[in-house]
Amino acid sequence: MHVPDQPSCRAVNDVLSRIGDKWSVRVVMSLARGSKRFNELRREIDSISQRMLTRTLRALERDGLVDRTVTPTVPPRVDYALTSLGASLTGPVAMLGEWAMDNIGAIETARSQFDAAEADAC
């Protein structure tokens, strides 16, 4: 069995923290349906603030998952789309979402049992 070295683990943790945060996942899955303008994304993603959407898009762009295209019109048109790297992420994210939906009942049961045992221990 191969044991990853410390720098590799840090790199993987960095990538997982980016693609694992709830806003990044929601932006990626929204863009999986096609390119969108900023306000389209904001309307589609409930409860995300303008500031958080801006930060998330910038981080995804920096990581090479999202492409930002500016069309020089008045006012300028800015479109966001997944890169091929970003598109390759949609399958694993969708599978993880399906797993969560399939197992939410078992997770809620486990949480209730844990909480009850903790309350009894006090």
N, C-alpha and C. Protein backbone atom coordinates (compact mmCIF):
# COMPACT_ATOMS: atom_id res chain seq x y z
N MET A 1 0.84 -1.19 0.00
CA MET A 1 0.00 0.00 0.00
C MET A 1 0.88 1.24 0.00
N HIS A 2 0.54 2.18 -0.88
CA HIS A 2 1.30 3.43 -0.99
C HIS A 2 0.79 4.44 0.03
N VAL A 3 1.69 4.96 0.83
CA VAL A 3 1.33 5.99 1.80
C VAL A 3 1.78 7.33 1.22
N PRO A 4 0.82 8.24 0.98
CA PRO A 4 1.20 9.53 0.40
C PRO A 4 2.11 10.32 1.32
N ASP A 5 3.01 11.09 0.72
CA ASP A 5 3.89 11.93 1.53
C ASP A 5 3.13 13.17 1.99
N GLN A 6 3.70 13.88 2.93
CA GLN A 6 3.06 15.04 3.56
C GLN A 6 2.69 16.12 2.54
N PRO A 7 3.58 16.51 1.61
CA PRO A 7 3.17 17.54 0.64
C PRO A 7 1.99 17.10 -0.23
N SER A 8 1.93 15.82 -0.59
CA SER A 8 0.80 15.34 -1.39
C SER A 8 -0.49 15.44 -0.60
N CYS A 9 -0.45 15.07 0.66
CA CYS A 9 -1.65 15.15 1.51
C CYS A 9 -2.13 16.59 1.63
N ARG A 10 -1.22 17.52 1.80
CA ARG A 10 -1.60 18.93 1.89
C ARG A 10 -2.25 19.40 0.59
N ALA A 11 -1.68 18.97 -0.54
CA ALA A 11 -2.23 19.37 -1.83
C ALA A 11 -3.64 18.81 -2.01
N VAL A 12 -3.84 17.55 -1.65
CA VAL A 12 -5.16 16.94 -1.76
C VAL A 12 -6.14 17.64 -0.82
N ASN A 13 -5.73 17.92 0.40
CA ASN A 13 -6.60 18.62 1.35
C ASN A 13 -7.01 19.99 0.82
N ASP A 14 -6.08 20.68 0.17
CA ASP A 14 -6.36 22.00 -0.39
C ASP A 14 -7.43 21.89 -1.49
N VAL A 15 -7.26 20.93 -2.37
CA VAL A 15 -8.23 20.73 -3.46
C VAL A 15 -9.59 20.33 -2.89
N LEU A 16 -9.60 19.39 -1.94
CA LEU A 16 -10.87 18.94 -1.36
C LEU A 16 -11.59 20.05 -0.61
N SER A 17 -10.84 20.93 0.03
CA SER A 17 -11.50 22.04 0.74
C SER A 17 -12.16 22.98 -0.27
N ARG A 18 -11.57 23.15 -1.44
CA ARG A 18 -12.17 24.01 -2.46
C ARG A 18 -13.44 23.37 -3.02
N ILE A 19 -13.31 22.14 -3.48
CA ILE A 19 -14.46 21.52 -4.15
C ILE A 19 -15.48 21.00 -3.16
N GLY A 20 -15.13 20.97 -1.88
CA GLY A 20 -16.05 20.46 -0.88
C GLY A 20 -16.87 21.52 -0.19
N ASP A 21 -16.57 22.79 -0.44
CA ASP A 21 -17.38 23.80 0.23
C ASP A 21 -18.72 23.95 -0.49
N LYS A 22 -19.76 24.24 0.26
CA LYS A 22 -21.11 24.17 -0.30
C LYS A 22 -21.34 25.13 -1.45
N TRP A 23 -20.72 26.30 -1.43
CA TRP A 23 -20.95 27.26 -2.50
C TRP A 23 -20.26 26.82 -3.78
N SER A 24 -19.05 26.30 -3.68
CA SER A 24 -18.35 25.83 -4.88
C SER A 24 -19.11 24.71 -5.56
N VAL A 25 -19.61 23.78 -4.77
CA VAL A 25 -20.37 22.66 -5.32
C VAL A 25 -21.62 23.18 -6.03
N ARG A 26 -22.31 24.11 -5.42
CA ARG A 26 -23.54 24.63 -6.03
C ARG A 26 -23.26 25.42 -7.30
N VAL A 27 -22.17 26.19 -7.32
CA VAL A 27 -21.82 26.93 -8.53
C VAL A 27 -21.44 25.96 -9.65
N VAL A 28 -20.61 24.98 -9.33
CA VAL A 28 -20.20 24.01 -10.34
C VAL A 28 -21.41 23.28 -10.92
N MET A 29 -22.31 22.83 -10.07
CA MET A 29 -23.47 22.10 -10.56
C MET A 29 -24.43 23.00 -11.34
N SER A 30 -24.50 24.27 -10.99
CA SER A 30 -25.32 25.20 -11.76
C SER A 30 -24.72 25.42 -13.14
N LEU A 31 -23.41 25.59 -13.19
CA LEU A 31 -22.73 25.81 -14.47
C LEU A 31 -22.67 24.54 -15.32
N ALA A 32 -22.92 23.38 -14.71
CA ALA A 32 -22.95 22.13 -15.48
C ALA A 32 -24.07 22.17 -16.51
N ARG A 33 -25.10 22.99 -16.26
CA ARG A 33 -26.22 23.11 -17.19
C ARG A 33 -25.96 24.16 -18.27
N GLY A 34 -24.80 24.79 -18.26
CA GLY A 34 -24.45 25.77 -19.28
C GLY A 34 -23.92 27.06 -18.67
N SER A 35 -23.32 27.88 -19.52
CA SER A 35 -22.73 29.12 -19.03
C SER A 35 -23.83 30.05 -18.54
N LYS A 36 -23.44 30.90 -17.60
CA LYS A 36 -24.41 31.81 -16.98
C LYS A 36 -23.73 33.14 -16.65
N ARG A 37 -24.55 34.15 -16.58
CA ARG A 37 -24.09 35.45 -16.10
C ARG A 37 -24.18 35.46 -14.59
N PHE A 38 -23.51 36.43 -13.97
CA PHE A 38 -23.43 36.52 -12.52
C PHE A 38 -24.81 36.51 -11.87
N ASN A 39 -25.70 37.38 -12.35
CA ASN A 39 -27.02 37.49 -11.71
C ASN A 39 -27.87 36.24 -11.93
N GLU A 40 -27.66 35.53 -13.02
CA GLU A 40 -28.36 34.26 -13.22
C GLU A 40 -27.94 33.26 -12.14
N LEU A 41 -26.63 33.21 -11.90
CA LEU A 41 -26.12 32.32 -10.85
C LEU A 41 -26.68 32.71 -9.50
N ARG A 42 -26.69 33.99 -9.24
CA ARG A 42 -27.16 34.46 -7.93
C ARG A 42 -28.64 34.12 -7.71
N ARG A 43 -29.44 34.22 -8.76
CA ARG A 43 -30.86 33.86 -8.64
C ARG A 43 -31.03 32.35 -8.45
N GLU A 44 -30.20 31.56 -9.11
CA GLU A 44 -30.31 30.10 -9.01
C GLU A 44 -29.85 29.54 -7.68
N ILE A 45 -28.88 30.19 -7.06
CA ILE A 45 -28.29 29.67 -5.83
C ILE A 45 -28.88 30.42 -4.65
N ASP A 46 -29.87 29.82 -4.04
CA ASP A 46 -30.58 30.45 -2.92
C ASP A 46 -29.61 30.83 -1.80
N SER A 47 -29.81 32.00 -1.26
CA SER A 47 -29.15 32.52 -0.07
C SER A 47 -27.66 32.82 -0.21
N ILE A 48 -27.09 32.76 -1.42
CA ILE A 48 -25.69 33.17 -1.56
C ILE A 48 -25.65 34.69 -1.71
N SER A 49 -24.74 35.30 -1.00
CA SER A 49 -24.60 36.76 -1.09
C SER A 49 -23.78 37.11 -2.33
N GLN A 50 -23.88 38.35 -2.75
CA GLN A 50 -23.10 38.82 -3.89
C GLN A 50 -21.61 38.65 -3.62
N ARG A 51 -21.21 39.01 -2.41
CA ARG A 51 -19.79 38.91 -2.04
C ARG A 51 -19.31 37.46 -2.07
N MET A 52 -20.11 36.53 -1.53
CA MET A 52 -19.71 35.14 -1.49
C MET A 52 -19.67 34.54 -2.90
N LEU A 53 -20.62 34.91 -3.75
CA LEU A 53 -20.60 34.41 -5.12
C LEU A 53 -19.37 34.92 -5.85
N THR A 54 -19.04 36.19 -5.66
CA THR A 54 -17.84 36.76 -6.28
C THR A 54 -16.59 36.01 -5.82
N ARG A 55 -16.47 35.80 -4.52
CA ARG A 55 -15.29 35.09 -3.98
C ARG A 55 -15.22 33.65 -4.49
N THR A 56 -16.36 32.99 -4.55
CA THR A 56 -16.40 31.59 -5.00
C THR A 56 -16.01 31.50 -6.46
N LEU A 57 -16.56 32.38 -7.29
CA LEU A 57 -16.23 32.36 -8.72
C LEU A 57 -14.75 32.65 -8.94
N ARG A 58 -14.20 33.59 -8.20
CA ARG A 58 -12.77 33.91 -8.32
C ARG A 58 -11.90 32.71 -7.95
N ALA A 59 -12.26 32.05 -6.86
CA ALA A 59 -11.48 30.88 -6.42
C ALA A 59 -11.58 29.74 -7.43
N LEU A 60 -12.77 29.52 -7.97
CA LEU A 60 -12.94 28.46 -8.97
C LEU A 60 -12.20 28.81 -10.26
N GLU A 61 -12.18 30.08 -10.61
CA GLU A 61 -11.43 30.53 -11.78
C GLU A 61 -9.94 30.33 -11.55
N ARG A 62 -9.48 30.68 -10.37
CA ARG A 62 -8.05 30.52 -10.03
C ARG A 62 -7.63 29.06 -10.10
N ASP A 63 -8.53 28.16 -9.67
CA ASP A 63 -8.22 26.73 -9.68
C ASP A 63 -8.40 26.09 -11.06
N GLY A 64 -8.82 26.87 -12.04
CA GLY A 64 -8.96 26.35 -13.39
C GLY A 64 -10.25 25.58 -13.63
N LEU A 65 -11.24 25.77 -12.76
CA LEU A 65 -12.51 25.05 -12.90
C LEU A 65 -13.56 25.88 -13.63
N VAL A 66 -13.42 27.19 -13.58
CA VAL A 66 -14.38 28.10 -14.20
C VAL A 66 -13.64 29.08 -15.09
N ASP A 67 -14.26 29.36 -16.23
CA ASP A 67 -13.72 30.34 -17.17
C ASP A 67 -14.62 31.57 -17.15
N ARG A 68 -14.02 32.73 -17.11
CA ARG A 68 -14.76 34.01 -17.10
C ARG A 68 -14.51 34.69 -18.43
N THR A 69 -15.59 35.01 -19.15
CA THR A 69 -15.48 35.65 -20.46
C THR A 69 -16.17 37.00 -20.41
N VAL A 70 -15.41 38.05 -20.75
CA VAL A 70 -15.96 39.41 -20.78
C VAL A 70 -16.19 39.81 -22.23
N THR A 71 -17.42 40.20 -22.54
CA THR A 71 -17.76 40.69 -23.87
C THR A 71 -17.84 42.21 -23.77
N PRO A 72 -17.03 42.91 -24.59
CA PRO A 72 -16.98 44.38 -24.48
C PRO A 72 -18.21 45.06 -25.08
N THR A 73 -19.26 45.09 -24.30
CA THR A 73 -20.47 45.82 -24.66
C THR A 73 -20.68 46.88 -23.60
N VAL A 74 -21.74 47.67 -23.73
CA VAL A 74 -22.06 48.66 -22.71
C VAL A 74 -23.40 48.29 -22.11
N PRO A 75 -23.48 47.88 -20.87
CA PRO A 75 -22.36 47.55 -19.98
C PRO A 75 -21.71 46.24 -20.41
N PRO A 76 -20.49 45.99 -19.92
CA PRO A 76 -19.80 44.77 -20.30
C PRO A 76 -20.59 43.53 -19.88
N ARG A 77 -20.59 42.52 -20.72
CA ARG A 77 -21.26 41.26 -20.42
C ARG A 77 -20.20 40.28 -19.92
N VAL A 78 -20.46 39.67 -18.77
CA VAL A 78 -19.53 38.70 -18.19
C VAL A 78 -20.26 37.37 -18.05
N ASP A 79 -19.70 36.35 -18.67
CA ASP A 79 -20.27 35.01 -18.60
C ASP A 79 -19.29 34.07 -17.91
N TYR A 80 -19.85 33.13 -17.16
CA TYR A 80 -19.05 32.12 -16.47
C TYR A 80 -19.44 30.75 -17.02
N ALA A 81 -18.43 29.91 -17.23
CA ALA A 81 -18.66 28.56 -17.73
C ALA A 81 -17.62 27.63 -17.13
N LEU A 82 -17.97 26.37 -17.06
CA LEU A 82 -17.01 25.38 -16.59
C LEU A 82 -15.94 25.15 -17.65
N THR A 83 -14.73 24.99 -17.20
CA THR A 83 -13.66 24.54 -18.09
C THR A 83 -13.82 23.02 -18.23
N SER A 84 -12.98 22.39 -19.03
CA SER A 84 -13.05 20.93 -19.14
C SER A 84 -12.70 20.29 -17.80
N LEU A 85 -11.80 20.90 -17.06
CA LEU A 85 -11.47 20.40 -15.72
C LEU A 85 -12.68 20.51 -14.80
N GLY A 86 -13.36 21.64 -14.84
CA GLY A 86 -14.56 21.83 -14.03
C GLY A 86 -15.66 20.85 -14.42
N ALA A 87 -15.83 20.63 -15.71
CA ALA A 87 -16.84 19.68 -16.18
C ALA A 87 -16.53 18.27 -15.71
N SER A 88 -15.25 17.94 -15.60
CA SER A 88 -14.87 16.59 -15.14
C SER A 88 -15.22 16.38 -13.67
N LEU A 89 -15.48 17.45 -12.95
CA LEU A 89 -15.83 17.38 -11.53
C LEU A 89 -17.32 17.09 -11.32
N THR A 90 -18.16 17.37 -12.30
CA THR A 90 -19.60 17.25 -12.11
C THR A 90 -20.05 15.82 -11.84
N GLY A 91 -19.43 14.83 -12.47
CA GLY A 91 -19.81 13.43 -12.24
C GLY A 91 -19.58 13.01 -10.80
N PRO A 92 -18.36 13.18 -10.27
CA PRO A 92 -18.12 12.82 -8.87
C PRO A 92 -18.99 13.60 -7.89
N VAL A 93 -19.24 14.87 -8.14
CA VAL A 93 -20.08 15.67 -7.24
C VAL A 93 -21.52 15.14 -7.28
N ALA A 94 -22.02 14.82 -8.47
CA ALA A 94 -23.37 14.28 -8.59
C ALA A 94 -23.47 12.94 -7.87
N MET A 95 -22.45 12.10 -7.98
CA MET A 95 -22.46 10.81 -7.29
C MET A 95 -22.47 11.00 -5.78
N LEU A 96 -21.71 11.96 -5.28
CA LEU A 96 -21.69 12.24 -3.85
C LEU A 96 -23.06 12.75 -3.38
N GLY A 97 -23.68 13.59 -4.19
CA GLY A 97 -25.02 14.07 -3.86
C GLY A 97 -26.04 12.94 -3.83
N GLU A 98 -25.94 12.02 -4.78
CA GLU A 98 -26.83 10.85 -4.80
C GLU A 98 -26.61 10.00 -3.56
N TRP A 99 -25.34 9.80 -3.19
CA TRP A 99 -25.03 9.02 -1.98
C TRP A 99 -25.68 9.68 -0.76
N ALA A 100 -25.56 11.00 -0.68
CA ALA A 100 -26.14 11.73 0.46
C ALA A 100 -27.66 11.54 0.50
N MET A 101 -28.30 11.66 -0.64
CA MET A 101 -29.76 11.49 -0.69
C MET A 101 -30.15 10.05 -0.31
N ASP A 102 -29.40 9.07 -0.78
CA ASP A 102 -29.69 7.67 -0.47
C ASP A 102 -29.50 7.34 1.00
N ASN A 103 -28.62 8.08 1.67
CA ASN A 103 -28.24 7.73 3.03
C ASN A 103 -28.65 8.73 4.10
N ILE A 104 -29.40 9.76 3.74
CA ILE A 104 -29.74 10.78 4.72
C ILE A 104 -30.56 10.20 5.87
N GLY A 105 -31.44 9.25 5.58
CA GLY A 105 -32.23 8.63 6.65
C GLY A 105 -31.36 7.92 7.66
N ALA A 106 -30.39 7.14 7.18
CA ALA A 106 -29.49 6.42 8.08
C ALA A 106 -28.63 7.39 8.89
N ILE A 107 -28.23 8.47 8.26
CA ILE A 107 -27.41 9.47 8.97
C ILE A 107 -28.23 10.16 10.05
N GLU A 108 -29.47 10.53 9.74
CA GLU A 108 -30.32 11.16 10.74
C GLU A 108 -30.61 10.22 11.91
N THR A 109 -30.80 8.94 11.61
CA THR A 109 -31.02 7.96 12.68
C THR A 109 -29.78 7.85 13.57
N ALA A 110 -28.61 7.77 12.95
CA ALA A 110 -27.36 7.68 13.71
C ALA A 110 -27.16 8.91 14.59
N ARG A 111 -27.47 10.08 14.05
CA ARG A 111 -27.34 11.32 14.82
C ARG A 111 -28.26 11.30 16.04
N SER A 112 -29.51 10.89 15.81
CA SER A 112 -30.47 10.83 16.92
C SER A 112 -30.01 9.87 18.01
N GLN A 113 -29.51 8.71 17.61
CA GLN A 113 -29.03 7.73 18.57
C GLN A 113 -27.83 8.26 19.33
N PHE A 114 -26.92 8.89 18.64
CA PHE A 114 -25.73 9.47 19.26
C PHE A 114 -26.14 10.54 20.26
N ASP A 115 -27.01 11.45 19.82
CA ASP A 115 -27.45 12.55 20.69
C ASP A 115 -28.16 12.02 21.93
N ALA A 116 -28.98 10.98 21.76
CA ALA A 116 -29.68 10.39 22.90
C ALA A 116 -28.69 9.76 23.88
N ALA A 117 -27.70 9.06 23.36
CA ALA A 117 -26.68 8.44 24.22
C ALA A 117 -25.87 9.51 24.95
N GLU A 118 -25.56 10.60 24.28
CA GLU A 118 -24.82 11.70 24.91
C GLU A 118 -25.65 12.34 26.02
N ALA A 119 -26.94 12.51 25.77
CA ALA A 119 -27.83 13.11 26.77
C ALA A 119 -27.94 12.19 27.99
N ASP A 120 -28.00 10.88 27.77
CA ASP A 120 -28.08 9.93 28.88
C ASP A 120 -26.79 9.90 29.70
N ALA A 121 -25.66 10.19 29.06
CA ALA A 121 -24.38 10.15 29.73
C ALA A 121 -24.18 11.36 30.66
N CYS A 122 -24.93 12.42 30.42
CA CYS A 122 -24.76 13.64 31.22
C CYS A 122 -25.44 13.58 32.52
